[in-house]
């Protein structure tokens, strides 16, 4: 199964939500979303996620 990491940098963007929903419905994909919109973002965990993902997208 392909691991997709989506990094969200802005809140409440309709295009982002539509693109993420489309990614989640694709077969054989495990989609993980990390929101950097929160002040307590864990950048160490994010770095680990980036290196273990097959694809990284930033929205």
C-alpha atoms as a PDB file:
ATOM      1  CA  UNK A   1       0.000   0.000   0.000  1.00  0.00           C
ATOM      2  CA  UNK A   2       1.290   3.416  -0.992  1.00  0.00           C
ATOM      3  CA  UNK A   3       1.741   5.915   1.847  1.00  0.00           C
ATOM      4  CA  UNK A   4       0.742   9.485   1.016  1.00  0.00           C
ATOM      5  CA  UNK A   5       1.498  12.357   3.385  1.00  0.00           C
ATOM      6  CA  UNK A   6      -0.464  15.577   2.973  1.00  0.00           C
ATOM      7  CA  UNK A   7       0.812  18.629   4.820  1.00  0.00           C
ATOM      8  CA  UNK A   8      -1.865  21.286   5.277  1.00  0.00           C
ATOM      9  CA  UNK A   9      -0.624  24.837   5.787  1.00  0.00           C
ATOM     10  CA  UNK A  10      -3.896  26.803   5.517  1.00  0.00           C
ATOM     11  CA  UNK A  11      -7.263  26.269   7.131  1.00  0.00           C
ATOM     12  CA  UNK A  12     -10.707  26.066   5.516  1.00  0.00           C
ATOM     13  CA  UNK A  13      -9.645  25.906   1.874  1.00  0.00           C
ATOM     14  CA  UNK A  14     -12.386  24.231  -0.209  1.00  0.00           C
ATOM     15  CA  UNK A  15      -9.933  23.173  -2.932  1.00  0.00           C
ATOM     16  CA  UNK A  16      -7.685  21.512  -0.366  1.00  0.00           C
ATOM     17  CA  UNK A  17     -10.588  19.609   1.139  1.00  0.00           C
ATOM     18  CA  UNK A  18     -11.752  18.407  -2.285  1.00  0.00           C
ATOM     19  CA  UNK A  19      -8.258  17.254  -3.281  1.00  0.00           C
ATOM     20  CA  UNK A  20      -7.750  15.435   0.017  1.00  0.00           C
ATOM     21  CA  UNK A  21     -11.141  13.720  -0.273  1.00  0.00           C
ATOM     22  CA  UNK A  22     -10.230  12.539  -3.775  1.00  0.00           C
ATOM     23  CA  UNK A  23      -6.896  11.142  -2.536  1.00  0.00           C
ATOM     24  CA  UNK A  24      -8.605   9.226   0.259  1.00  0.00           C
ATOM     25  CA  UNK A  25     -10.914   7.462  -2.178  1.00  0.00           C
ATOM     26  CA  UNK A  26      -8.138   6.100  -4.390  1.00  0.00           C
ATOM     27  CA  UNK A  27      -7.475   2.376  -3.941  1.00  0.00           C
ATOM     28  CA  UNK A  28      -4.295   1.068  -2.312  1.00  0.00           C
ATOM     29  CA  UNK A  29      -3.403   4.369  -0.646  1.00  0.00           C
ATOM     30  CA  UNK A  30      -2.913   5.166   2.986  1.00  0.00           C
ATOM     31  CA  UNK A  31      -3.399   8.921   3.359  1.00  0.00           C
ATOM     32  CA  UNK A  32      -2.093  10.742   6.428  1.00  0.00           C
ATOM     33  CA  UNK A  33      -2.747  14.424   7.016  1.00  0.00           C
ATOM     34  CA  UNK A  34      -0.549  16.670   9.141  1.00  0.00           C
ATOM     35  CA  UNK A  35      -1.913  20.161   9.848  1.00  0.00           C
ATOM     36  CA  UNK A  36       0.686  22.833  10.427  1.00  0.00           C
ATOM     37  CA  UNK A  37      -2.057  25.328  11.200  1.00  0.00           C
ATOM     38  CA  UNK A  38      -1.891  24.545  14.916  1.00  0.00           C
ATOM     39  CA  UNK A  39       0.632  26.360  17.127  1.00  0.00           C
ATOM     40  CA  UNK A  40       1.797  23.099  18.733  1.00  0.00           C
ATOM     41  CA  UNK A  41       2.869  21.335  15.516  1.00  0.00           C
ATOM     42  CA  UNK A  42       5.356  18.501  16.124  1.00  0.00           C
ATOM     43  CA  UNK A  43       8.062  19.102  13.517  1.00  0.00           C
ATOM     44  CA  UNK A  44      10.183  16.155  14.636  1.00  0.00           C
ATOM     45  CA  UNK A  45       7.276  13.771  13.989  1.00  0.00           C
ATOM     46  CA  UNK A  46       6.598  15.531  10.687  1.00  0.00           C
ATOM     47  CA  UNK A  47      10.165  14.949   9.546  1.00  0.00           C
ATOM     48  CA  UNK A  48       9.858  11.236  10.312  1.00  0.00           C
ATOM     49  CA  UNK A  49       6.582  11.082   8.373  1.00  0.00           C
ATOM     50  CA  UNK A  50       8.177  12.791   5.371  1.00  0.00           C
ATOM     51  CA  UNK A  51      10.973  10.247   5.147  1.00  0.00           C
ATOM     52  CA  UNK A  52       8.650   7.250   5.453  1.00  0.00           C
ATOM     53  CA  UNK A  53       6.089   8.483   2.903  1.00  0.00           C
ATOM     54  CA  UNK A  54       6.027   7.432  -0.732  1.00  0.00           C
ATOM     55  CA  UNK A  55       4.519  10.781  -1.728  1.00  0.00           C
ATOM     56  CA  UNK A  56       4.454  14.142   0.063  1.00  0.00           C
ATOM     57  CA  UNK A  57       2.012  16.900  -0.889  1.00  0.00           C
ATOM     58  CA  UNK A  58       1.748  20.363   0.610  1.00  0.00           C
ATOM     59  CA  UNK A  59      -1.536  22.237   0.472  1.00  0.00           C
END
